[in-house]
Amino acid sequence: MIFKNPSIRTLMICWIILIGLTIGTMMTGRVMTDTSLSGLSIIALGVITWVKSMLILRYYLNLKSASRGWNKVFNSYLFIILGIITLIFLLGKT
């Protein structure tokens, strides 16, 4: 297995994307208001969180250089855990 560290440029681009996704999370989650979230907003927050987690795992923890099997396992694990959390929030909303 060949381990290749991501370049500084790649990490900076990833960091800028993470900042954008964090701002998107703040807007979707309506952090400045006291209103409750809609079901679509809760699902969007789950998807944004999944994307942010995958970026951190792939580039900052260098999972991108791991085997395809490990990538599938971590991707599936995150999807299932965040799916359960999103489902709990959706069920608690009713």
PDB file of N, CA and C in Angstrom:
ATOM      1  N   MET A   1       0.839  -1.159   0.000  1.00  0.00           N
ATOM      2  CA  MET A   1       0.000   0.000   0.000  1.00  0.00           C
ATOM      3  C   MET A   1       0.897   1.238   0.000  1.00  0.00           C
ATOM      4  N   ILE A   2       0.566   2.168  -0.851  1.00  0.00           N
ATOM      5  CA  ILE A   2       1.357   3.393  -0.971  1.00  0.00           C
ATOM      6  C   ILE A   2       0.609   4.517  -0.254  1.00  0.00           C
ATOM      7  N   PHE A   3       1.281   5.109   0.721  1.00  0.00           N
ATOM      8  CA  PHE A   3       0.692   6.234   1.438  1.00  0.00           C
ATOM      9  C   PHE A   3       1.214   7.528   0.840  1.00  0.00           C
ATOM     10  N   LYS A   4       0.290   8.348   0.395  1.00  0.00           N
ATOM     11  CA  LYS A   4       0.652   9.635  -0.179  1.00  0.00           C
ATOM     12  C   LYS A   4      -0.071  10.719   0.607  1.00  0.00           C
ATOM     13  N   ASN A   5       0.696  11.580   1.234  1.00  0.00           N
ATOM     14  CA  ASN A   5       0.095  12.661   1.997  1.00  0.00           C
ATOM     15  C   ASN A   5      -0.502  13.697   1.059  1.00  0.00           C
ATOM     16  N   PRO A   6      -1.668  14.265   1.421  1.00  0.00           N
ATOM     17  CA  PRO A   6      -2.238  15.315   0.575  1.00  0.00           C
ATOM     18  C   PRO A   6      -1.379  16.573   0.614  1.00  0.00           C
ATOM     19  N   SER A   7      -1.400  17.304  -0.477  1.00  0.00           N
ATOM     20  CA  SER A   7      -0.596  18.526  -0.559  1.00  0.00           C
ATOM     21  C   SER A   7      -1.223  19.632   0.292  1.00  0.00           C
ATOM     22  N   ILE A   8      -0.427  20.651   0.539  1.00  0.00           N
ATOM     23  CA  ILE A   8      -0.915  21.809   1.298  1.00  0.00           C
ATOM     24  C   ILE A   8      -2.086  22.457   0.558  1.00  0.00           C
ATOM     25  N   ARG A   9      -1.976  22.532  -0.762  1.00  0.00           N
ATOM     26  CA  ARG A   9      -3.052  23.130  -1.572  1.00  0.00           C
ATOM     27  C   ARG A   9      -4.353  22.342  -1.405  1.00  0.00           C
ATOM     28  N   THR A  10      -4.265  21.016  -1.448  1.00  0.00           N
ATOM     29  CA  THR A  10      -5.449  20.174  -1.279  1.00  0.00           C
ATOM     30  C   THR A  10      -6.069  20.383   0.097  1.00  0.00           C
ATOM     31  N   LEU A  11      -5.225  20.446   1.127  1.00  0.00           N
ATOM     32  CA  LEU A  11      -5.735  20.653   2.479  1.00  0.00           C
ATOM     33  C   LEU A  11      -6.375  22.030   2.634  1.00  0.00           C
ATOM     34  N   MET A  12      -5.813  23.043   1.979  1.00  0.00           N
ATOM     35  CA  MET A  12      -6.396  24.386   2.053  1.00  0.00           C
ATOM     36  C   MET A  12      -7.754  24.440   1.339  1.00  0.00           C
ATOM     37  N   ILE A  13      -7.851  23.798   0.181  1.00  0.00           N
ATOM     38  CA  ILE A  13      -9.129  23.752  -0.533  1.00  0.00           C
ATOM     39  C   ILE A  13     -10.165  23.014   0.299  1.00  0.00           C
ATOM     40  N   CYS A  14      -9.763  21.912   0.902  1.00  0.00           N
ATOM     41  CA  CYS A  14     -10.660  21.147   1.766  1.00  0.00           C
ATOM     42  C   CYS A  14     -11.110  22.007   2.949  1.00  0.00           C
ATOM     43  N   TRP A  15     -10.192  22.772   3.518  1.00  0.00           N
ATOM     44  CA  TRP A  15     -10.509  23.632   4.653  1.00  0.00           C
ATOM     45  C   TRP A  15     -11.521  24.706   4.256  1.00  0.00           C
ATOM     46  N   ILE A  16     -11.346  25.291   3.072  1.00  0.00           N
ATOM     47  CA  ILE A  16     -12.280  26.309   2.591  1.00  0.00           C
ATOM     48  C   ILE A  16     -13.663  25.696   2.364  1.00  0.00           C
ATOM     49  N   ILE A  17     -13.707  24.494   1.819  1.00  0.00           N
ATOM     50  CA  ILE A  17     -14.984  23.800   1.625  1.00  0.00           C
ATOM     51  C   ILE A  17     -15.637  23.520   2.973  1.00  0.00           C
ATOM     52  N   LEU A  18     -14.840  23.109   3.962  1.00  0.00           N
ATOM     53  CA  LEU A  18     -15.374  22.851   5.297  1.00  0.00           C
ATOM     54  C   LEU A  18     -15.941  24.123   5.931  1.00  0.00           C
ATOM     55  N   ILE A  19     -15.283  25.252   5.705  1.00  0.00           N
ATOM     56  CA  ILE A  19     -15.810  26.526   6.208  1.00  0.00           C
ATOM     57  C   ILE A  19     -17.155  26.832   5.543  1.00  0.00           C
ATOM     58  N   GLY A  20     -17.227  26.642   4.226  1.00  0.00           N
ATOM     59  CA  GLY A  20     -18.487  26.866   3.508  1.00  0.00           C
ATOM     60  C   GLY A  20     -19.595  25.957   4.005  1.00  0.00           C
ATOM     61  N   LEU A  21     -19.260  24.691   4.245  1.00  0.00           N
ATOM     62  CA  LEU A  21     -20.260  23.758   4.758  1.00  0.00           C
ATOM     63  C   LEU A  21     -20.687  24.121   6.184  1.00  0.00           C
ATOM     64  N   THR A  22     -19.775  24.644   6.976  1.00  0.00           N
ATOM     65  CA  THR A  22     -20.132  25.084   8.323  1.00  0.00           C
ATOM     66  C   THR A  22     -21.094  26.269   8.264  1.00  0.00           C
ATOM     67  N   ILE A  23     -20.839  27.191   7.362  1.00  0.00           N
ATOM     68  CA  ILE A  23     -21.759  28.320   7.182  1.00  0.00           C
ATOM     69  C   ILE A  23     -23.116  27.803   6.691  1.00  0.00           C
ATOM     70  N   GLY A  24     -23.094  26.823   5.781  1.00  0.00           N
ATOM     71  CA  GLY A  24     -24.337  26.207   5.319  1.00  0.00           C
ATOM     72  C   GLY A  24     -25.084  25.524   6.452  1.00  0.00           C
ATOM     73  N   THR A  25     -24.354  24.897   7.358  1.00  0.00           N
ATOM     74  CA  THR A  25     -24.972  24.258   8.516  1.00  0.00           C
ATOM     75  C   THR A  25     -25.631  25.305   9.403  1.00  0.00           C
ATOM     76  N   MET A  26     -24.957  26.426   9.599  1.00  0.00           N
ATOM     77  CA  MET A  26     -25.515  27.489  10.433  1.00  0.00           C
ATOM     78  C   MET A  26     -26.783  28.072   9.815  1.00  0.00           C
ATOM     79  N   MET A  27     -26.790  28.242   8.501  1.00  0.00           N
ATOM     80  CA  MET A  27     -27.980  28.783   7.838  1.00  0.00           C
ATOM     81  C   MET A  27     -29.127  27.763   7.852  1.00  0.00           C
ATOM     82  N   THR A  28     -28.807  26.514   7.559  1.00  0.00           N
ATOM     83  CA  THR A  28     -29.837  25.481   7.531  1.00  0.00           C
ATOM     84  C   THR A  28     -30.405  25.232   8.918  1.00  0.00           C
ATOM     85  N   GLY A  29     -29.533  25.278   9.921  1.00  0.00           N
ATOM     86  CA  GLY A  29     -29.973  25.042  11.294  1.00  0.00           C
ATOM     87  C   GLY A  29     -30.592  26.251  11.961  1.00  0.00           C
ATOM     88  N   ARG A  30     -30.597  27.374  11.258  1.00  0.00           N
ATOM     89  CA  ARG A  30     -31.188  28.618  11.765  1.00  0.00           C
ATOM     90  C   ARG A  30     -30.712  28.911  13.184  1.00  0.00           C
ATOM     91  N   VAL A  31     -29.408  29.038  13.345  1.00  0.00           N
ATOM     92  CA  VAL A  31     -28.829  29.215  14.675  1.00  0.00           C
ATOM     93  C   VAL A  31     -29.174  30.558  15.315  1.00  0.00           C
ATOM     94  N   MET A  32     -29.598  31.524  14.550  1.00  0.00           N
ATOM     95  CA  MET A  32     -29.888  32.856  15.101  1.00  0.00           C
ATOM     96  C   MET A  32     -31.370  33.049  15.440  1.00  0.00           C
ATOM     97  N   THR A  33     -32.200  32.033  15.211  1.00  0.00           N
ATOM     98  CA  THR A  33     -33.630  32.168  15.488  1.00  0.00           C
ATOM     99  C   THR A  33     -34.075  31.084  16.459  1.00  0.00           C
ATOM    100  N   ASP A  34     -35.267  31.269  17.005  1.00  0.00           N
ATOM    101  CA  ASP A  34     -35.824  30.292  17.944  1.00  0.00           C
ATOM    102  C   ASP A  34     -36.870  29.393  17.299  1.00  0.00           C
ATOM    103  N   THR A  35     -36.951  29.372  15.980  1.00  0.00           N
ATOM    104  CA  THR A  35     -37.950  28.557  15.304  1.00  0.00           C
ATOM    105  C   THR A  35     -37.507  27.100  15.252  1.00  0.00           C
ATOM    106  N   SER A  36     -38.474  26.203  15.161  1.00  0.00           N
ATOM    107  CA  SER A  36     -38.145  24.783  15.050  1.00  0.00           C
ATOM    108  C   SER A  36     -37.794  24.449  13.602  1.00  0.00           C
ATOM    109  N   LEU A  37     -37.045  23.383  13.440  1.00  0.00           N
ATOM    110  CA  LEU A  37     -36.590  22.988  12.114  1.00  0.00           C
ATOM    111  C   LEU A  37     -37.616  22.094  11.436  1.00  0.00           C
ATOM    112  N   SER A  38     -37.699  22.221  10.123  1.00  0.00           N
ATOM    113  CA  SER A  38     -38.567  21.338   9.349  1.00  0.00           C
ATOM    114  C   SER A  38     -37.848  20.008   9.126  1.00  0.00           C
ATOM    115  N   GLY A  39     -38.591  19.025   8.688  1.00  0.00           N
ATOM    116  CA  GLY A  39     -37.996  17.725   8.408  1.00  0.00           C
ATOM    117  C   GLY A  39     -36.930  17.794   7.328  1.00  0.00           C
ATOM    118  N   LEU A  40     -37.164  18.623   6.325  1.00  0.00           N
ATOM    119  CA  LEU A  40     -36.195  18.786   5.242  1.00  0.00           C
ATOM    120  C   LEU A  40     -34.898  19.416   5.762  1.00  0.00           C
ATOM    121  N   SER A  41     -35.017  20.363   6.681  1.00  0.00           N
ATOM    122  CA  SER A  41     -33.827  20.990   7.271  1.00  0.00           C
ATOM    123  C   SER A  41     -33.016  19.981   8.075  1.00  0.00           C
ATOM    124  N   ILE A  42     -33.698  19.116   8.804  1.00  0.00           N
ATOM    125  CA  ILE A  42     -33.012  18.095   9.598  1.00  0.00           C
ATOM    126  C   ILE A  42     -32.263  17.123   8.693  1.00  0.00           C
ATOM    127  N   ILE A  43     -32.903  16.723   7.591  1.00  0.00           N
ATOM    128  CA  ILE A  43     -32.242  15.828   6.629  1.00  0.00           C
ATOM    129  C   ILE A  43     -31.046  16.533   5.995  1.00  0.00           C
ATOM    130  N   ALA A  44     -31.204  17.806   5.638  1.00  0.00           N
ATOM    131  CA  ALA A  44     -30.096  18.571   5.044  1.00  0.00           C
ATOM    132  C   ALA A  44     -28.927  18.674   6.021  1.00  0.00           C
ATOM    133  N   LEU A  45     -29.206  18.884   7.299  1.00  0.00           N
ATOM    134  CA  LEU A  45     -28.140  18.944   8.300  1.00  0.00           C
ATOM    135  C   LEU A  45     -27.408  17.612   8.406  1.00  0.00           C
ATOM    136  N   GLY A  46     -28.151  16.502   8.316  1.00  0.00           N
ATOM    137  CA  GLY A  46     -27.519  15.182   8.342  1.00  0.00           C
ATOM    138  C   GLY A  46     -26.602  14.965   7.149  1.00  0.00           C
ATOM    139  N   VAL A  47     -27.045  15.386   5.973  1.00  0.00           N
ATOM    140  CA  VAL A  47     -26.234  15.220   4.762  1.00  0.00           C
ATOM    141  C   VAL A  47     -24.982  16.100   4.823  1.00  0.00           C
ATOM    142  N   ILE A  48     -25.144  17.345   5.267  1.00  0.00           N
ATOM    143  CA  ILE A  48     -23.990  18.241   5.374  1.00  0.00           C
ATOM    144  C   ILE A  48     -22.979  17.679   6.370  1.00  0.00           C
ATOM    145  N   THR A  49     -23.462  17.158   7.487  1.00  0.00           N
ATOM    146  CA  THR A  49     -22.573  16.572   8.489  1.00  0.00           C
ATOM    147  C   THR A  49     -21.831  15.370   7.929  1.00  0.00           C
ATOM    148  N   TRP A  50     -22.513  14.554   7.132  1.00  0.00           N
ATOM    149  CA  TRP A  50     -21.884  13.386   6.516  1.00  0.00           C
ATOM    150  C   TRP A  50     -20.777  13.822   5.552  1.00  0.00           C
ATOM    151  N   VAL A  51     -21.049  14.839   4.744  1.00  0.00           N
ATOM    152  CA  VAL A  51     -20.039  15.324   3.789  1.00  0.00           C
ATOM    153  C   VAL A  51     -18.829  15.887   4.535  1.00  0.00           C
ATOM    154  N   LYS A  52     -19.078  16.675   5.576  1.00  0.00           N
ATOM    155  CA  LYS A  52     -17.970  17.232   6.353  1.00  0.00           C
ATOM    156  C   LYS A  52     -17.139  16.118   6.990  1.00  0.00           C
ATOM    157  N   SER A  53     -17.807  15.114   7.536  1.00  0.00           N
ATOM    158  CA  SER A  53     -17.088  13.996   8.157  1.00  0.00           C
ATOM    159  C   SER A  53     -16.238  13.251   7.150  1.00  0.00           C
ATOM    160  N   MET A  54     -16.762  13.038   5.959  1.00  0.00           N
ATOM    161  CA  MET A  54     -16.003  12.324   4.940  1.00  0.00           C
ATOM    162  C   MET A  54     -14.795  13.138   4.482  1.00  0.00           C
ATOM    163  N   LEU A  55     -14.936  14.442   4.360  1.00  0.00           N
ATOM    164  CA  LEU A  55     -13.793  15.277   3.984  1.00  0.00           C
ATOM    165  C   LEU A  55     -12.690  15.196   5.043  1.00  0.00           C
ATOM    166  N   ILE A  56     -13.073  15.262   6.295  1.00  0.00           N
ATOM    167  CA  ILE A  56     -12.077  15.189   7.374  1.00  0.00           C
ATOM    168  C   ILE A  56     -11.402  13.825   7.376  1.00  0.00           C
ATOM    169  N   LEU A  57     -12.188  12.763   7.230  1.00  0.00           N
ATOM    170  CA  LEU A  57     -11.604  11.418   7.225  1.00  0.00           C
ATOM    171  C   LEU A  57     -10.681  11.203   6.029  1.00  0.00           C
ATOM    172  N   ARG A  58     -11.102  11.636   4.864  1.00  0.00           N
ATOM    173  CA  ARG A  58     -10.320  11.362   3.648  1.00  0.00           C
ATOM    174  C   ARG A  58      -9.046  12.187   3.545  1.00  0.00           C
ATOM    175  N   TYR A  59      -9.128  13.456   3.916  1.00  0.00           N
ATOM    176  CA  TYR A  59      -7.982  14.326   3.672  1.00  0.00           C
ATOM    177  C   TYR A  59      -7.151  14.610   4.920  1.00  0.00           C
ATOM    178  N   TYR A  60      -7.793  14.893   6.043  1.00  0.00           N
ATOM    179  CA  TYR A  60      -7.023  15.234   7.235  1.00  0.00           C
ATOM    180  C   TYR A  60      -6.557  13.995   7.989  1.00  0.00           C
ATOM    181  N   LEU A  61      -7.325  12.918   7.938  1.00  0.00           N
ATOM    182  CA  LEU A  61      -6.886  11.669   8.554  1.00  0.00           C
ATOM    183  C   LEU A  61      -6.309  10.704   7.520  1.00  0.00           C
ATOM    184  N   ASN A  62      -6.227  11.158   6.272  1.00  0.00           N
ATOM    185  CA  ASN A  62      -5.600  10.446   5.152  1.00  0.00           C
ATOM    186  C   ASN A  62      -6.197   9.059   4.893  1.00  0.00           C
ATOM    187  N   LEU A  63      -7.499   8.920   5.084  1.00  0.00           N
ATOM    188  CA  LEU A  63      -8.163   7.664   4.772  1.00  0.00           C
ATOM    189  C   LEU A  63      -8.214   7.426   3.262  1.00  0.00           C
ATOM    190  N   LYS A  64      -8.001   8.465   2.487  1.00  0.00           N
ATOM    191  CA  LYS A  64      -8.010   8.349   1.029  1.00  0.00           C
ATOM    192  C   LYS A  64      -6.945   7.370   0.544  1.00  0.00           C
ATOM    193  N   SER A  65      -5.833   7.277   1.268  1.00  0.00           N
ATOM    194  CA  SER A  65      -4.763   6.373   0.856  1.00  0.00           C
ATOM    195  C   SER A  65      -4.983   4.949   1.366  1.00  0.00           C
ATOM    196  N   ALA A  66      -6.030   4.726   2.164  1.00  0.00           N
ATOM    197  CA  ALA A  66      -6.324   3.373   2.657  1.00  0.00           C
ATOM    198  C   ALA A  66      -6.998   2.566   1.547  1.00  0.00           C
ATOM    199  N   SER A  67      -7.178   1.311   1.795  1.00  0.00           N
ATOM    200  CA  SER A  67      -7.784   0.434   0.786  1.00  0.00           C
ATOM    201  C   SER A  67      -9.252   0.782   0.569  1.00  0.00           C
ATOM    202  N   ARG A  68      -9.779   0.327  -0.530  1.00  0.00           N
ATOM    203  CA  ARG A  68     -11.177   0.591  -0.878  1.00  0.00           C
ATOM    204  C   ARG A  68     -12.122   0.014   0.164  1.00  0.00           C
ATOM    205  N   GLY A  69     -11.746  -1.114   0.745  1.00  0.00           N
ATOM    206  CA  GLY A  69     -12.574  -1.740   1.770  1.00  0.00           C
ATOM    207  C   GLY A  69     -12.738  -0.851   2.995  1.00  0.00           C
ATOM    208  N   TRP A  70     -11.623  -0.274   3.465  1.00  0.00           N
ATOM    209  CA  TRP A  70     -11.692   0.621   4.626  1.00  0.00           C
ATOM    210  C   TRP A  70     -12.533   1.847   4.310  1.00  0.00           C
ATOM    211  N   ASN A  71     -12.387   2.386   3.105  1.00  0.00           N
ATOM    212  CA  ASN A  71     -13.192   3.543   2.720  1.00  0.00           C
ATOM    213  C   ASN A  71     -14.677   3.210   2.741  1.00  0.00           C
ATOM    214  N   LYS A  72     -15.044   2.044   2.222  1.00  0.00           N
ATOM    215  CA  LYS A  72     -16.448   1.638   2.225  1.00  0.00           C
ATOM    216  C   LYS A  72     -16.964   1.434   3.639  1.00  0.00           C
ATOM    217  N   VAL A  73     -16.124   0.833   4.500  1.00  0.00           N
ATOM    218  CA  VAL A  73     -16.546   0.589   5.883  1.00  0.00           C
ATOM    219  C   VAL A  73     -16.802   1.907   6.603  1.00  0.00           C
ATOM    220  N   PHE A  74     -15.865   2.857   6.522  1.00  0.00           N
ATOM    221  CA  PHE A  74     -16.043   4.133   7.203  1.00  0.00           C
ATOM    222  C   PHE A  74     -17.197   4.930   6.613  1.00  0.00           C
ATOM    223  N   ASN A  75     -17.340   4.910   5.306  1.00  0.00           N
ATOM    224  CA  ASN A  75     -18.435   5.609   4.649  1.00  0.00           C
ATOM    225  C   ASN A  75     -19.778   5.041   5.097  1.00  0.00           C
ATOM    226  N   SER A  76     -19.878   3.723   5.104  1.00  0.00           N
ATOM    227  CA  SER A  76     -21.116   3.063   5.530  1.00  0.00           C
ATOM    228  C   SER A  76     -21.393   3.324   7.002  1.00  0.00           C
ATOM    229  N   TYR A  77     -20.362   3.234   7.831  1.00  0.00           N
ATOM    230  CA  TYR A  77     -20.519   3.455   9.262  1.00  0.00           C
ATOM    231  C   TYR A  77     -21.046   4.865   9.538  1.00  0.00           C
ATOM    232  N   LEU A  78     -20.425   5.856   8.918  1.00  0.00           N
ATOM    233  CA  LEU A  78     -20.888   7.231   9.101  1.00  0.00           C
ATOM    234  C   LEU A  78     -22.309   7.414   8.595  1.00  0.00           C
ATOM    235  N   PHE A  79     -22.612   6.834   7.454  1.00  0.00           N
ATOM    236  CA  PHE A  79     -23.955   6.960   6.880  1.00  0.00           C
ATOM    237  C   PHE A  79     -24.996   6.361   7.820  1.00  0.00           C
ATOM    238  N   ILE A  80     -24.701   5.190   8.387  1.00  0.00           N
ATOM    239  CA  ILE A  80     -25.648   4.530   9.292  1.00  0.00           C
ATOM    240  C   ILE A  80     -25.809   5.330  10.587  1.00  0.00           C
ATOM    241  N   ILE A  81     -24.701   5.741  11.203  1.00  0.00           N
ATOM    242  CA  ILE A  81     -24.780   6.491  12.457  1.00  0.00           C
ATOM    243  C   ILE A  81     -25.513   7.818  12.267  1.00  0.00           C
ATOM    244  N   LEU A  82     -25.140   8.575  11.237  1.00  0.00           N
ATOM    245  CA  LEU A  82     -25.812   9.854  10.994  1.00  0.00           C
ATOM    246  C   LEU A  82     -27.262   9.646  10.564  1.00  0.00           C
ATOM    247  N   GLY A  83     -27.525   8.546   9.868  1.00  0.00           N
ATOM    248  CA  GLY A  83     -28.907   8.221   9.514  1.00  0.00           C
ATOM    249  C   GLY A  83     -29.757   7.945  10.742  1.00  0.00           C
ATOM    250  N   ILE A  84     -29.203   7.219  11.704  1.00  0.00           N
ATOM    251  CA  ILE A  84     -29.925   6.931  12.950  1.00  0.00           C
ATOM    252  C   ILE A  84     -30.169   8.223  13.731  1.00  0.00           C
ATOM    253  N   ILE A  85     -29.156   9.066  13.823  1.00  0.00           N
ATOM    254  CA  ILE A  85     -29.310  10.332  14.541  1.00  0.00           C
ATOM    255  C   ILE A  85     -30.363  11.213  13.862  1.00  0.00           C
ATOM    256  N   THR A  86     -30.315  11.298  12.534  1.00  0.00           N
ATOM    257  CA  THR A  86     -31.313  12.082  11.793  1.00  0.00           C
ATOM    258  C   THR A  86     -32.696  11.506  11.996  1.00  0.00           C
ATOM    259  N   LEU A  87     -32.829  10.190  11.968  1.00  0.00           N
ATOM    260  CA  LEU A  87     -34.123   9.548  12.187  1.00  0.00           C
ATOM    261  C   LEU A  87     -34.659   9.844  13.587  1.00  0.00           C
ATOM    262  N   ILE A  88     -33.784   9.818  14.585  1.00  0.00           N
ATOM    263  CA  ILE A  88     -34.212  10.134  15.962  1.00  0.00           C
ATOM    264  C   ILE A  88     -34.736  11.563  16.031  1.00  0.00           C
ATOM    265  N   PHE A  89     -34.048  12.498  15.387  1.00  0.00           N
ATOM    266  CA  PHE A  89     -34.525  13.882  15.389  1.00  0.00           C
ATOM    267  C   PHE A  89     -35.845  14.011  14.652  1.00  0.00           C
ATOM    268  N   LEU A  90     -36.004  13.284  13.549  1.00  0.00           N
ATOM    269  CA  LEU A  90     -37.264  13.342  12.807  1.00  0.00           C
ATOM    270  C   LEU A  90     -38.419  12.741  13.610  1.00  0.00           C
ATOM    271  N   LEU A  91     -38.149  11.648  14.305  1.00  0.00           N
ATOM    272  CA  LEU A  91     -39.184  11.030  15.121  1.00  0.00           C
ATOM    273  C   LEU A  91     -39.528  11.883  16.332  1.00  0.00           C
ATOM    274  N   GLY A  92     -38.547  12.569  16.888  1.00  0.00           N
ATOM    275  CA  GLY A  92     -38.797  13.449  18.022  1.00  0.00           C
ATOM    276  C   GLY A  92     -39.565  14.691  17.652  1.00  0.00           C
ATOM    277  N   LYS A  93     -39.569  14.992  16.375  1.00  0.00           N
ATOM    278  CA  LYS A  93     -40.274  16.182  15.891  1.00  0.00           C
ATOM    279  C   LYS A  93     -41.785  15.966  15.871  1.00  0.00           C
ATOM    280  N   THR A  94     -42.216  14.722  15.733  1.00  0.00           N
ATOM    281  CA  THR A  94     -43.654  14.449  15.634  1.00  0.00           C
ATOM    282  C   THR A  94     -44.321  14.347  16.969  1.00  0.00           C
TER     283      THR A  94
END
